[in-house]
Amino acid sequence: MEAVRQLKSKYYQSDQEGELVHCTSLSFKQRVIGFAVCVGTGLVMSVLSWMTFGHWLAFGVLMTCGNLCSLAGTLFLVGPKRQAKMMFKKVRVVATIMFLVFMGLTLVAALVLRNGGLTALLCIGQYLALIWYGLSYIPYARTAVKKAFHGLVTSI
């Protein structure tokens, strides 16, 4: 229960201008529910995308929409302004841009070009960009991954 109180107080803090930086029109409970619904929907779409594996167009669209829903869920917790600031911090700006570009290109390849092979390739890029983006929130995680891959490559 203490963790919930700390989380609640954290997201009611103000920025330097005294402006609330989070979804102030929603209660804490409503924001948590919004987050859970979006992330749950995104997870369901991602699982469904794997059930269409091999049907690359459906796979690409469902996976991308699932990622977008999950990403939208974080807006409920921290608000759009803070989320944008966090996503475009120097440490993760490249990963953020790559993730967003891969999502956009995946949708273009699936819906406009109707190219299954390209869609599959872009889905791989999307997952790699998402992993790299997620690792940016864990201290020293990227460094550890780089060292692990360097060790793997040099041992081959």
Protein backbone atom coordinates (compact mmCIF):
# COMPACT_ATOMS: atom_id res chain seq x y z
CA MET A 1 0.00 0.00 0.00
CA GLU A 2 2.92 2.32 0.75
CA ALA A 3 4.18 1.85 -2.81
CA VAL A 4 0.81 2.97 -4.19
CA ARG A 5 0.90 6.09 -1.97
CA GLN A 6 4.40 6.92 -3.16
CA LEU A 7 3.39 6.40 -6.79
CA LYS A 8 0.32 8.58 -6.27
CA SER A 9 2.28 11.41 -4.66
CA LYS A 10 4.94 11.20 -7.36
CA TYR A 11 2.42 11.80 -10.12
CA TYR A 12 0.77 14.74 -8.41
CA GLN A 13 4.01 16.74 -8.30
CA SER A 14 4.28 20.05 -10.15
CA ASP A 15 6.94 21.16 -12.60
CA GLN A 16 8.98 24.38 -12.28
CA GLU A 17 6.14 26.61 -13.50
CA GLY A 18 3.81 25.17 -10.86
CA GLU A 19 1.78 23.43 -13.55
CA LEU A 20 0.66 19.88 -12.86
CA VAL A 21 2.51 17.67 -15.31
CA HIS A 22 0.07 14.78 -15.33
CA CYS A 23 -3.49 13.99 -16.29
CA THR A 24 -5.06 16.26 -13.70
CA SER A 25 -8.63 15.84 -14.90
CA LEU A 26 -8.50 12.12 -14.08
CA SER A 27 -8.27 10.66 -10.61
CA PHE A 28 -5.33 8.42 -9.75
CA LYS A 29 -7.61 5.38 -9.91
CA GLN A 30 -8.91 6.40 -13.36
CA ARG A 31 -5.37 6.86 -14.65
CA VAL A 32 -4.31 3.43 -13.37
CA ILE A 33 -7.40 1.89 -14.99
CA GLY A 34 -6.65 3.72 -18.27
CA PHE A 35 -3.08 2.49 -18.15
CA ALA A 36 -4.18 -1.10 -17.43
CA VAL A 37 -6.77 -1.07 -20.22
CA CYS A 38 -4.32 0.30 -22.79
CA VAL A 39 -1.50 -2.03 -21.83
CA GLY A 40 -3.90 -4.98 -21.63
CA THR A 41 -5.31 -4.16 -25.05
CA GLY A 42 -1.79 -3.80 -26.43
CA LEU A 43 -0.78 -7.12 -24.94
CA VAL A 44 -3.84 -8.87 -26.41
CA MET A 45 -3.09 -7.37 -29.83
CA SER A 46 0.54 -8.47 -29.59
CA VAL A 47 -0.48 -12.02 -28.67
CA LEU A 48 -3.00 -12.05 -31.50
CA SER A 49 -0.30 -10.87 -33.88
CA TRP A 50 1.74 -13.98 -33.09
CA MET A 51 -1.31 -16.10 -33.87
CA THR A 52 -1.24 -14.60 -37.37
CA PHE A 53 2.50 -15.27 -37.77
CA GLY A 54 3.11 -16.04 -41.42
CA HIS A 55 0.30 -13.76 -42.52
CA TRP A 56 2.70 -10.84 -42.47
CA LEU A 57 0.23 -8.06 -43.17
CA ALA A 58 -2.05 -8.95 -40.25
CA PHE A 59 1.00 -9.66 -38.09
CA GLY A 60 2.55 -6.25 -38.79
CA VAL A 61 -0.65 -4.28 -38.25
CA LEU A 62 -1.62 -6.08 -35.04
CA MET A 63 1.87 -5.91 -33.59
CA THR A 64 2.25 -2.21 -34.36
CA CYS A 65 -1.20 -1.35 -33.02
CA GLY A 66 -0.42 -3.37 -29.89
CA ASN A 67 2.79 -1.41 -29.36
CA LEU A 68 0.95 1.88 -29.91
CA CYS A 69 -1.75 0.92 -27.38
CA SER A 70 0.85 -0.05 -24.80
CA LEU A 71 2.76 3.17 -25.39
CA ALA A 72 -0.47 5.16 -25.05
CA GLY A 73 -1.05 3.53 -21.67
CA THR A 74 1.99 5.26 -20.22
CA LEU A 75 0.40 8.59 -21.09
CA PHE A 76 -2.21 7.90 -18.42
CA LEU A 77 0.42 7.47 -15.74
CA VAL A 78 2.87 10.26 -16.47
CA GLY A 79 0.96 12.52 -18.86
CA PRO A 80 1.81 13.41 -22.43
CA LYS A 81 4.22 16.24 -21.62
CA ARG A 82 6.38 14.22 -19.24
CA GLN A 83 6.22 11.14 -21.47
CA ALA A 84 7.50 13.17 -24.42
CA LYS A 85 10.28 14.64 -22.28
CA MET A 86 11.31 11.18 -21.09
CA MET A 87 11.16 9.65 -24.56
CA PHE A 88 13.27 12.37 -26.12
CA LYS A 89 15.95 12.62 -23.44
CA LYS A 90 19.43 12.51 -24.93
CA VAL A 91 20.00 8.96 -23.66
CA ARG A 92 17.03 7.52 -25.55
CA VAL A 93 16.22 9.91 -28.40
CA VAL A 94 17.76 7.67 -31.08
CA ALA A 95 15.94 4.59 -29.77
CA THR A 96 12.67 6.55 -29.61
CA ILE A 97 12.99 7.84 -33.15
CA MET A 98 13.94 4.40 -34.46
CA PHE A 99 10.99 2.79 -32.66
CA LEU A 100 8.53 5.35 -34.03
CA VAL A 101 10.01 5.15 -37.54
CA PHE A 102 9.87 1.34 -37.55
CA MET A 103 6.24 1.44 -36.41
CA GLY A 104 5.34 3.87 -39.18
CA LEU A 105 7.25 1.96 -41.83
CA THR A 106 5.70 -1.32 -40.69
CA LEU A 107 2.23 0.11 -41.22
CA VAL A 108 3.22 1.51 -44.63
CA ALA A 109 4.72 -1.82 -45.71
CA ALA A 110 1.65 -3.74 -44.51
CA LEU A 111 -1.18 -1.43 -45.54
CA VAL A 112 0.15 0.51 -48.53
CA LEU A 113 2.82 -1.67 -50.11
CA ARG A 114 1.24 -4.97 -49.00
CA ASN A 115 4.71 -6.48 -48.88
CA GLY A 116 4.83 -9.35 -46.39
CA GLY A 117 8.61 -9.82 -46.43
CA LEU A 118 9.29 -6.15 -45.83
CA THR A 119 6.63 -6.07 -43.12
CA ALA A 120 8.30 -9.01 -41.34
CA LEU A 121 11.71 -7.35 -41.59
CA LEU A 122 10.33 -4.09 -40.20
CA CYS A 123 8.62 -5.97 -37.36
CA ILE A 124 12.02 -7.35 -36.36
CA GLY A 125 13.42 -3.83 -36.45
CA GLN A 126 10.48 -2.62 -34.39
CA TYR A 127 11.11 -5.24 -31.70
CA LEU A 128 14.85 -4.48 -31.61
CA ALA A 129 14.16 -0.75 -31.32
CA LEU A 130 11.59 -1.40 -28.57
CA ILE A 131 14.07 -3.53 -26.63
CA TRP A 132 16.80 -0.89 -26.99
CA TYR A 133 14.31 1.81 -25.94
CA GLY A 134 13.23 -0.22 -22.90
CA LEU A 135 16.83 -0.89 -21.87
CA SER A 136 17.44 2.86 -21.73
CA TYR A 137 15.29 3.03 -18.59
CA ILE A 138 17.48 0.51 -16.73
CA PRO A 139 20.81 1.90 -15.52
CA TYR A 140 23.77 0.28 -17.29
CA ALA A 141 21.54 -2.21 -19.13
CA ARG A 142 22.66 -1.07 -22.57
CA THR A 143 26.31 -1.25 -21.52
CA ALA A 144 25.79 -4.80 -20.26
CA VAL A 145 24.07 -5.85 -23.49
CA LYS A 146 26.81 -4.27 -25.61
CA LYS A 147 29.48 -6.11 -23.61
CA ALA A 148 27.59 -9.39 -23.87
CA PHE A 149 27.26 -9.10 -27.64
CA HIS A 150 30.88 -8.01 -27.97
CA GLY A 151 31.94 -11.08 -25.97
CA LEU A 152 29.71 -13.30 -28.10
CA VAL A 153 31.03 -11.90 -31.38
CA THR A 154 34.69 -12.10 -30.34
CA SER A 155 34.28 -15.71 -29.14
CA ILE A 156 32.98 -16.85 -32.53
